[in-house]
Amino acid sequence: MSKIDTYREHLRQMCDWESFLLAESRLPGPRGNLELARAAADEGDATQFARWLAVGPGEGPTNTPGEFLAFCGALGYGRLLAEGDGAALTQVRQAANDPRWRVREAAAMALQRWGEADMAALLAEAARWAAGTRLEQRAAAAGLCEPALLTNEATAGRVLDVLDAIMVSVRGAADRRSAEFVALRKALGYCWSVAAVAAPDKGQALIEKWLADDDPDVRWIMRQNLGKARLSRLDADWTARQLARVRG
């Protein structure tokens, strides 16, 4: 039995879930209890998820057990999305815009769970989020760029289209000093390489296109991706040539 399954069984036998989640959150600390969070998302219901996600930054600041409750709530809404509850998207979008990075990560994980069940629906929504807030753009990119979701070149090509649309808004951005822009830039610093490996021809062409841009953040994003080992494994010679361009 996996650790997640063990937690699921334990939760089924409990009445006071929240005290257990708070006590076993592993926060403060470098890594929250992801196995417990997944178990709570699997076993919980919409009422619980709403109550947990309602724990805001004031009551549950970053790196505290209260934040873990919000994380579990966001993750739970991903399960509801995967089960066909379209209304859960509102709460996932709320989590994507949360000021706490763990809650935002839970939103991206929620999107990934949705994608496992209905990748076409996730792609359509991500295309809309590409024109949304910086944190919605970040969630769309991080949610899509999960290797397990990129099962064929056509899907990866559509993911690259979403990344390309987001990059258009990065070029010449007026808000590049904001925390939200910085979070987006960091995500884009690895997302391109994940998608490009799954659709090499289109990915390499788009990376070359953006390397020709003189925007400093665009070039930083491309340089970060070119430094990922996955691109070197794909085509070491091509990656070396592009790195020479961006460093030139």
C-alpha atoms as a PDB file:
ATOM      1  CA  MET A   1       0.000   0.000   0.000  1.00  0.00           C
ATOM      2  CA  SER A   2       1.384   3.412  -0.952  1.00  0.00           C
ATOM      3  CA  LYS A   3       1.748   6.245   1.533  1.00  0.00           C
ATOM      4  CA  ILE A   4      -1.128   8.071  -0.170  1.00  0.00           C
ATOM      5  CA  ASP A   5      -3.354   5.008   0.190  1.00  0.00           C
ATOM      6  CA  THR A   6      -2.365   4.689   3.845  1.00  0.00           C
ATOM      7  CA  TYR A   7      -3.350   8.298   4.453  1.00  0.00           C
ATOM      8  CA  ARG A   8      -6.626   7.793   2.571  1.00  0.00           C
ATOM      9  CA  GLU A   9      -7.516   4.856   4.765  1.00  0.00           C
ATOM     10  CA  HIS A  10      -6.607   6.835   7.874  1.00  0.00           C
ATOM     11  CA  LEU A  11      -8.744   9.796   6.820  1.00  0.00           C
ATOM     12  CA  ARG A  12     -11.753   7.552   6.204  1.00  0.00           C
ATOM     13  CA  GLN A  13     -11.634   6.548   9.858  1.00  0.00           C
ATOM     14  CA  MET A  14     -11.311  10.091  11.216  1.00  0.00           C
ATOM     15  CA  CYS A  15     -13.824  12.783  12.105  1.00  0.00           C
ATOM     16  CA  ASP A  16     -11.473  15.717  12.722  1.00  0.00           C
ATOM     17  CA  TRP A  17      -9.557  15.930   9.455  1.00  0.00           C
ATOM     18  CA  GLU A  18      -8.401  19.501   9.837  1.00  0.00           C
ATOM     19  CA  SER A  19      -6.515  18.956  13.095  1.00  0.00           C
ATOM     20  CA  PHE A  20      -4.745  16.020  11.470  1.00  0.00           C
ATOM     21  CA  LEU A  21      -3.895  17.980   8.326  1.00  0.00           C
ATOM     22  CA  LEU A  22      -2.521  20.856  10.373  1.00  0.00           C
ATOM     23  CA  ALA A  23      -0.464  18.569  12.615  1.00  0.00           C
ATOM     24  CA  GLU A  24       0.952  16.506   9.749  1.00  0.00           C
ATOM     25  CA  SER A  25       1.492  19.321   7.232  1.00  0.00           C
ATOM     26  CA  ARG A  26       5.306  19.366   7.762  1.00  0.00           C
ATOM     27  CA  LEU A  27       5.113  23.145   7.698  1.00  0.00           C
ATOM     28  CA  PRO A  28       7.010  25.222   8.450  1.00  0.00           C
ATOM     29  CA  GLY A  29       9.617  23.395   6.422  1.00  0.00           C
ATOM     30  CA  PRO A  30      11.060  23.050   2.920  1.00  0.00           C
ATOM     31  CA  ARG A  31       8.446  20.558   1.700  1.00  0.00           C
ATOM     32  CA  GLY A  32       4.835  20.156   2.700  1.00  0.00           C
ATOM     33  CA  ASN A  33       3.269  16.724   3.082  1.00  0.00           C
ATOM     34  CA  LEU A  34       2.311  16.176  -0.550  1.00  0.00           C
ATOM     35  CA  GLU A  35       1.202  12.583   0.028  1.00  0.00           C
ATOM     36  CA  LEU A  36      -1.265  13.677   2.693  1.00  0.00           C
ATOM     37  CA  ALA A  37      -2.478  16.552   0.510  1.00  0.00           C
ATOM     38  CA  ARG A  38      -3.182  14.157  -2.358  1.00  0.00           C
ATOM     39  CA  ALA A  39      -5.002  11.790  -0.018  1.00  0.00           C
ATOM     40  CA  ALA A  40      -7.156  14.637   1.319  1.00  0.00           C
ATOM     41  CA  ALA A  41      -7.919  15.734  -2.244  1.00  0.00           C
ATOM     42  CA  ASP A  42      -8.956  12.185  -3.123  1.00  0.00           C
ATOM     43  CA  GLU A  43     -11.159  11.645  -0.072  1.00  0.00           C
ATOM     44  CA  GLY A  44     -12.563  15.109   0.629  1.00  0.00           C
ATOM     45  CA  ASP A  45     -15.689  16.821  -0.679  1.00  0.00           C
ATOM     46  CA  ALA A  46     -16.581  20.232  -2.083  1.00  0.00           C
ATOM     47  CA  THR A  47     -17.644  21.596   1.305  1.00  0.00           C
ATOM     48  CA  GLN A  48     -14.293  20.736   2.834  1.00  0.00           C
ATOM     49  CA  PHE A  49     -12.350  22.069  -0.133  1.00  0.00           C
ATOM     50  CA  ALA A  50     -14.209  25.391   0.055  1.00  0.00           C
ATOM     51  CA  ARG A  51     -13.497  25.725   3.774  1.00  0.00           C
ATOM     52  CA  TRP A  52      -9.808  24.932   3.353  1.00  0.00           C
ATOM     53  CA  LEU A  53      -9.260  27.223   0.387  1.00  0.00           C
ATOM     54  CA  ALA A  54     -10.976  30.010   2.323  1.00  0.00           C
ATOM     55  CA  VAL A  55      -7.984  30.021   4.725  1.00  0.00           C
ATOM     56  CA  GLY A  56      -6.359  33.138   3.349  1.00  0.00           C
ATOM     57  CA  PRO A  57      -2.872  34.607   3.771  1.00  0.00           C
ATOM     58  CA  GLY A  58      -3.858  36.351   6.995  1.00  0.00           C
ATOM     59  CA  GLU A  59      -4.964  33.174   8.746  1.00  0.00           C
ATOM     60  CA  GLY A  60      -2.578  30.855   6.927  1.00  0.00           C
ATOM     61  CA  PRO A  61       0.586  32.731   5.934  1.00  0.00           C
ATOM     62  CA  THR A  62       3.249  31.245   3.711  1.00  0.00           C
ATOM     63  CA  ASN A  63       5.046  28.207   5.152  1.00  0.00           C
ATOM     64  CA  THR A  64       2.516  27.548   7.918  1.00  0.00           C
ATOM     65  CA  PRO A  65       0.055  24.707   8.506  1.00  0.00           C
ATOM     66  CA  GLY A  66      -2.782  27.065   7.582  1.00  0.00           C
ATOM     67  CA  GLU A  67      -1.319  27.429   4.108  1.00  0.00           C
ATOM     68  CA  PHE A  68      -1.332  23.633   3.863  1.00  0.00           C
ATOM     69  CA  LEU A  69      -5.104  23.618   4.311  1.00  0.00           C
ATOM     70  CA  ALA A  70      -5.482  26.048   1.409  1.00  0.00           C
ATOM     71  CA  PHE A  71      -3.123  23.878  -0.636  1.00  0.00           C
ATOM     72  CA  CYS A  72      -5.284  20.818   0.018  1.00  0.00           C
ATOM     73  CA  GLY A  73      -8.411  22.744  -0.939  1.00  0.00           C
ATOM     74  CA  ALA A  74      -6.980  23.845  -4.267  1.00  0.00           C
ATOM     75  CA  LEU A  75      -5.762  20.331  -4.989  1.00  0.00           C
ATOM     76  CA  GLY A  76      -9.184  18.945  -4.165  1.00  0.00           C
ATOM     77  CA  TYR A  77     -10.852  21.204  -6.687  1.00  0.00           C
ATOM     78  CA  GLY A  78      -8.562  19.652  -9.290  1.00  0.00           C
ATOM     79  CA  ARG A  79     -10.119  16.289  -8.526  1.00  0.00           C
ATOM     80  CA  LEU A  80     -13.592  17.772  -8.940  1.00  0.00           C
ATOM     81  CA  LEU A  81     -12.552  19.249 -12.289  1.00  0.00           C
ATOM     82  CA  ALA A  82     -11.260  15.867 -13.388  1.00  0.00           C
ATOM     83  CA  GLU A  83     -14.604  14.354 -12.418  1.00  0.00           C
ATOM     84  CA  GLY A  84     -16.431  16.801 -14.670  1.00  0.00           C
ATOM     85  CA  ASP A  85     -17.418  19.562 -12.237  1.00  0.00           C
ATOM     86  CA  GLY A  86     -16.752  22.607 -14.407  1.00  0.00           C
ATOM     87  CA  ALA A  87     -17.756  24.979 -11.610  1.00  0.00           C
ATOM     88  CA  ALA A  88     -14.586  23.982  -9.745  1.00  0.00           C
ATOM     89  CA  LEU A  89     -12.581  25.975 -12.292  1.00  0.00           C
ATOM     90  CA  THR A  90     -13.519  29.200 -10.503  1.00  0.00           C
ATOM     91  CA  GLN A  91     -11.794  28.040  -7.326  1.00  0.00           C
ATOM     92  CA  VAL A  92      -8.742  26.753  -9.170  1.00  0.00           C
ATOM     93  CA  ARG A  93      -8.413  30.134 -10.848  1.00  0.00           C
ATOM     94  CA  GLN A  94      -8.695  31.804  -7.447  1.00  0.00           C
ATOM     95  CA  ALA A  95      -5.880  29.603  -6.170  1.00  0.00           C
ATOM     96  CA  ALA A  96      -3.768  30.404  -9.235  1.00  0.00           C
ATOM     97  CA  ASN A  97      -3.881  34.082  -8.229  1.00  0.00           C
ATOM     98  CA  ASP A  98      -3.078  33.488  -4.556  1.00  0.00           C
ATOM     99  CA  PRO A  99      -0.081  35.410  -3.183  1.00  0.00           C
ATOM    100  CA  ARG A 100       1.287  32.213  -1.571  1.00  0.00           C
ATOM    101  CA  TRP A 101       3.510  30.167  -3.867  1.00  0.00           C
ATOM    102  CA  ARG A 102       2.415  26.794  -2.510  1.00  0.00           C
ATOM    103  CA  VAL A 103      -1.239  27.551  -3.176  1.00  0.00           C
ATOM    104  CA  ARG A 104      -0.343  28.655  -6.702  1.00  0.00           C
ATOM    105  CA  GLU A 105       1.542  25.391  -7.166  1.00  0.00           C
ATOM    106  CA  ALA A 106      -1.529  23.493  -6.003  1.00  0.00           C
ATOM    107  CA  ALA A 107      -3.516  25.284  -8.712  1.00  0.00           C
ATOM    108  CA  ALA A 108      -1.040  24.109 -11.364  1.00  0.00           C
ATOM    109  CA  MET A 109      -1.230  20.573  -9.974  1.00  0.00           C
ATOM    110  CA  ALA A 110      -5.026  20.801 -10.065  1.00  0.00           C
ATOM    111  CA  LEU A 111      -4.858  21.731 -13.740  1.00  0.00           C
ATOM    112  CA  GLN A 112      -2.576  18.769 -14.365  1.00  0.00           C
ATOM    113  CA  ARG A 113      -5.060  16.409 -12.766  1.00  0.00           C
ATOM    114  CA  TRP A 114      -7.747  17.860 -15.000  1.00  0.00           C
ATOM    115  CA  GLY A 115      -5.480  17.369 -17.979  1.00  0.00           C
ATOM    116  CA  GLU A 116      -5.013  13.701 -17.135  1.00  0.00           C
ATOM    117  CA  ALA A 117      -8.784  13.305 -17.463  1.00  0.00           C
ATOM    118  CA  ASP A 118      -9.512  15.803 -20.258  1.00  0.00           C
ATOM    119  CA  MET A 119      -6.479  17.320 -21.932  1.00  0.00           C
ATOM    120  CA  ALA A 120      -8.577  18.959 -24.653  1.00  0.00           C
ATOM    121  CA  ALA A 121     -10.553  20.913 -22.053  1.00  0.00           C
ATOM    122  CA  LEU A 122      -7.373  21.966 -20.251  1.00  0.00           C
ATOM    123  CA  LEU A 123      -5.785  23.166 -23.490  1.00  0.00           C
ATOM    124  CA  ALA A 124      -8.845  25.239 -24.361  1.00  0.00           C
ATOM    125  CA  GLU A 125      -8.912  26.861 -20.921  1.00  0.00           C
ATOM    126  CA  ALA A 126      -5.158  27.420 -20.871  1.00  0.00           C
ATOM    127  CA  ALA A 127      -5.432  29.341 -24.130  1.00  0.00           C
ATOM    128  CA  ARG A 128      -7.810  31.712 -22.346  1.00  0.00           C
ATOM    129  CA  TRP A 129      -5.572  31.999 -19.305  1.00  0.00           C
ATOM    130  CA  ALA A 130      -2.698  32.940 -21.606  1.00  0.00           C
ATOM    131  CA  ALA A 131      -4.446  36.305 -21.921  1.00  0.00           C
ATOM    132  CA  GLY A 132      -5.169  36.526 -18.188  1.00  0.00           C
ATOM    133  CA  THR A 133      -3.210  37.773 -15.203  1.00  0.00           C
ATOM    134  CA  ARG A 134       0.488  37.033 -14.854  1.00  0.00           C
ATOM    135  CA  LEU A 135      -0.276  34.368 -12.266  1.00  0.00           C
ATOM    136  CA  GLU A 136      -2.924  32.797 -14.475  1.00  0.00           C
ATOM    137  CA  GLN A 137      -0.371  32.704 -17.272  1.00  0.00           C
ATOM    138  CA  ARG A 138       2.050  31.086 -14.862  1.00  0.00           C
ATOM    139  CA  ALA A 139      -0.486  28.436 -13.824  1.00  0.00           C
ATOM    140  CA  ALA A 140      -1.363  27.667 -17.437  1.00  0.00           C
ATOM    141  CA  ALA A 141       2.295  27.211 -18.392  1.00  0.00           C
ATOM    142  CA  ALA A 142       3.202  25.129 -15.343  1.00  0.00           C
ATOM    143  CA  GLY A 143       0.020  23.094 -15.568  1.00  0.00           C
ATOM    144  CA  LEU A 144       0.541  22.184 -19.207  1.00  0.00           C
ATOM    145  CA  CYS A 145       4.267  21.523 -19.090  1.00  0.00           C
ATOM    146  CA  GLU A 146       4.126  18.225 -17.273  1.00  0.00           C
ATOM    147  CA  PRO A 147       5.841  15.432 -19.229  1.00  0.00           C
ATOM    148  CA  ALA A 148       3.114  12.917 -18.383  1.00  0.00           C
ATOM    149  CA  LEU A 149       0.549  15.111 -20.172  1.00  0.00           C
ATOM    150  CA  LEU A 150       2.611  15.552 -23.341  1.00  0.00           C
ATOM    151  CA  THR A 151       1.838  12.124 -24.732  1.00  0.00           C
ATOM    152  CA  ASN A 152       2.000  13.025 -28.418  1.00  0.00           C
ATOM    153  CA  GLU A 153       3.503  15.669 -30.662  1.00  0.00           C
ATOM    154  CA  ALA A 154       0.160  17.225 -31.576  1.00  0.00           C
ATOM    155  CA  THR A 155      -0.678  17.896 -27.924  1.00  0.00           C
ATOM    156  CA  ALA A 156       2.793  19.263 -27.251  1.00  0.00           C
ATOM    157  CA  GLY A 157       2.425  21.511 -30.285  1.00  0.00           C
ATOM    158  CA  ARG A 158      -0.717  23.053 -28.829  1.00  0.00           C
ATOM    159  CA  VAL A 159       1.093  23.574 -25.534  1.00  0.00           C
ATOM    160  CA  LEU A 160       3.826  25.403 -27.423  1.00  0.00           C
ATOM    161  CA  ASP A 161       1.157  27.634 -28.964  1.00  0.00           C
ATOM    162  CA  VAL A 162       0.021  28.625 -25.458  1.00  0.00           C
ATOM    163  CA  LEU A 163       3.605  29.359 -24.412  1.00  0.00           C
ATOM    164  CA  ASP A 164       4.106  31.391 -27.574  1.00  0.00           C
ATOM    165  CA  ALA A 165       1.021  33.491 -26.797  1.00  0.00           C
ATOM    166  CA  ILE A 166       2.274  34.138 -23.273  1.00  0.00           C
ATOM    167  CA  MET A 167       5.679  35.180 -24.589  1.00  0.00           C
ATOM    168  CA  VAL A 168       4.072  37.860 -26.746  1.00  0.00           C
ATOM    169  CA  SER A 169       2.903  39.538 -23.534  1.00  0.00           C
ATOM    170  CA  VAL A 170       6.338  39.166 -21.929  1.00  0.00           C
ATOM    171  CA  ARG A 171       8.076  41.045 -24.705  1.00  0.00           C
ATOM    172  CA  GLY A 172       8.213  44.728 -23.800  1.00  0.00           C
ATOM    173  CA  ALA A 173       6.280  44.198 -20.557  1.00  0.00           C
ATOM    174  CA  ALA A 174       5.776  47.238 -18.358  1.00  0.00           C
ATOM    175  CA  ASP A 175       5.302  45.187 -15.167  1.00  0.00           C
ATOM    176  CA  ARG A 176       8.519  43.206 -15.285  1.00  0.00           C
ATOM    177  CA  ARG A 177       9.550  44.248 -11.775  1.00  0.00           C
ATOM    178  CA  SER A 178       6.362  42.927 -10.177  1.00  0.00           C
ATOM    179  CA  ALA A 179       6.381  39.734  -8.098  1.00  0.00           C
ATOM    180  CA  GLU A 180       3.759  38.265 -10.420  1.00  0.00           C
ATOM    181  CA  PHE A 181       5.899  38.806 -13.505  1.00  0.00           C
ATOM    182  CA  VAL A 182       8.927  37.331 -11.755  1.00  0.00           C
ATOM    183  CA  ALA A 183       6.911  34.200 -10.882  1.00  0.00           C
ATOM    184  CA  LEU A 184       5.809  33.860 -14.506  1.00  0.00           C
ATOM    185  CA  ARG A 185       9.331  34.377 -15.811  1.00  0.00           C
ATOM    186  CA  LYS A 186      10.664  31.666 -13.496  1.00  0.00           C
ATOM    187  CA  ALA A 187       8.085  29.157 -14.752  1.00  0.00           C
ATOM    188  CA  LEU A 188       8.770  29.988 -18.382  1.00  0.00           C
ATOM    189  CA  GLY A 189      12.437  29.406 -17.631  1.00  0.00           C
ATOM    190  CA  TYR A 190      11.821  25.657 -17.682  1.00  0.00           C
ATOM    191  CA  CYS A 191       8.452  25.160 -19.400  1.00  0.00           C
ATOM    192  CA  TRP A 192       9.720  25.731 -22.930  1.00  0.00           C
ATOM    193  CA  SER A 193      12.252  22.928 -22.678  1.00  0.00           C
ATOM    194  CA  VAL A 194       9.635  20.454 -21.415  1.00  0.00           C
ATOM    195  CA  ALA A 195       7.285  21.138 -24.321  1.00  0.00           C
ATOM    196  CA  ALA A 196      10.052  21.378 -26.914  1.00  0.00           C
ATOM    197  CA  VAL A 197      11.324  17.891 -26.111  1.00  0.00           C
ATOM    198  CA  ALA A 198       7.836  16.510 -26.785  1.00  0.00           C
ATOM    199  CA  ALA A 199       7.515  18.361 -30.128  1.00  0.00           C
ATOM    200  CA  PRO A 200      11.120  18.928 -31.255  1.00  0.00           C
ATOM    201  CA  ASP A 201      10.648  20.476 -34.695  1.00  0.00           C
ATOM    202  CA  LYS A 202       8.108  23.045 -33.602  1.00  0.00           C
ATOM    203  CA  GLY A 203       9.797  23.608 -30.247  1.00  0.00           C
ATOM    204  CA  GLN A 204      13.206  24.271 -31.750  1.00  0.00           C
ATOM    205  CA  ALA A 205      11.741  26.608 -34.358  1.00  0.00           C
ATOM    206  CA  LEU A 206       9.916  28.662 -31.727  1.00  0.00           C
ATOM    207  CA  ILE A 207      12.944  28.813 -29.450  1.00  0.00           C
ATOM    208  CA  GLU A 208      15.031  30.082 -32.360  1.00  0.00           C
ATOM    209  CA  LYS A 209      12.356  32.662 -33.117  1.00  0.00           C
ATOM    210  CA  TRP A 210      12.411  34.012 -29.574  1.00  0.00           C
ATOM    211  CA  LEU A 211      16.190  33.938 -29.410  1.00  0.00           C
ATOM    212  CA  ALA A 212      16.156  36.541 -32.166  1.00  0.00           C
ATOM    213  CA  ASP A 213      14.263  38.926 -29.893  1.00  0.00           C
ATOM    214  CA  ASP A 214      16.277  41.562 -28.031  1.00  0.00           C
ATOM    215  CA  ASP A 215      13.984  41.785 -24.982  1.00  0.00           C
ATOM    216  CA  PRO A 216      16.157  40.978 -21.927  1.00  0.00           C
ATOM    217  CA  ASP A 217      13.546  38.838 -20.192  1.00  0.00           C
ATOM    218  CA  VAL A 218      12.769  36.908 -23.356  1.00  0.00           C
ATOM    219  CA  ARG A 219      16.460  36.137 -23.760  1.00  0.00           C
ATOM    220  CA  TRP A 220      16.789  35.187 -20.079  1.00  0.00           C
ATOM    221  CA  ILE A 221      13.895  32.742 -20.429  1.00  0.00           C
ATOM    222  CA  MET A 222      15.405  31.144 -23.511  1.00  0.00           C
ATOM    223  CA  ARG A 223      18.856  30.955 -21.910  1.00  0.00           C
ATOM    224  CA  GLN A 224      17.412  29.184 -18.862  1.00  0.00           C
ATOM    225  CA  ASN A 225      15.695  26.609 -21.046  1.00  0.00           C
ATOM    226  CA  LEU A 226      18.768  26.000 -23.147  1.00  0.00           C
ATOM    227  CA  GLY A 227      20.628  25.194 -19.950  1.00  0.00           C
ATOM    228  CA  LYS A 228      18.289  22.279 -19.174  1.00  0.00           C
ATOM    229  CA  ALA A 229      19.799  18.842 -19.688  1.00  0.00           C
ATOM    230  CA  ARG A 230      16.660  17.609 -21.450  1.00  0.00           C
ATOM    231  CA  LEU A 231      17.402  19.843 -24.443  1.00  0.00           C
ATOM    232  CA  SER A 232      21.010  18.701 -24.630  1.00  0.00           C
ATOM    233  CA  ARG A 233      19.840  15.099 -24.583  1.00  0.00           C
ATOM    234  CA  LEU A 234      17.443  15.892 -27.403  1.00  0.00           C
ATOM    235  CA  ASP A 235      20.060  17.547 -29.641  1.00  0.00           C
ATOM    236  CA  ALA A 236      23.377  18.517 -28.101  1.00  0.00           C
ATOM    237  CA  ASP A 237      24.756  20.247 -31.211  1.00  0.00           C
ATOM    238  CA  TRP A 238      21.661  22.376 -31.751  1.00  0.00           C
ATOM    239  CA  THR A 239      21.524  23.327 -28.071  1.00  0.00           C
ATOM    240  CA  ALA A 240      25.186  24.354 -28.079  1.00  0.00           C
ATOM    241  CA  ARG A 241      24.650  26.546 -31.153  1.00  0.00           C
ATOM    242  CA  GLN A 242      21.665  28.282 -29.604  1.00  0.00           C
ATOM    243  CA  LEU A 243      23.505  28.861 -26.335  1.00  0.00           C
ATOM    244  CA  ALA A 244      26.303  30.491 -28.308  1.00  0.00           C
ATOM    245  CA  ARG A 245      23.720  32.824 -29.875  1.00  0.00           C
ATOM    246  CA  VAL A 246      22.142  33.853 -26.606  1.00  0.00           C
ATOM    247  CA  ARG A 247      25.516  34.417 -24.948  1.00  0.00           C
ATOM    248  CA  GLY A 248      26.877  36.326 -27.886  1.00  0.00           C
END
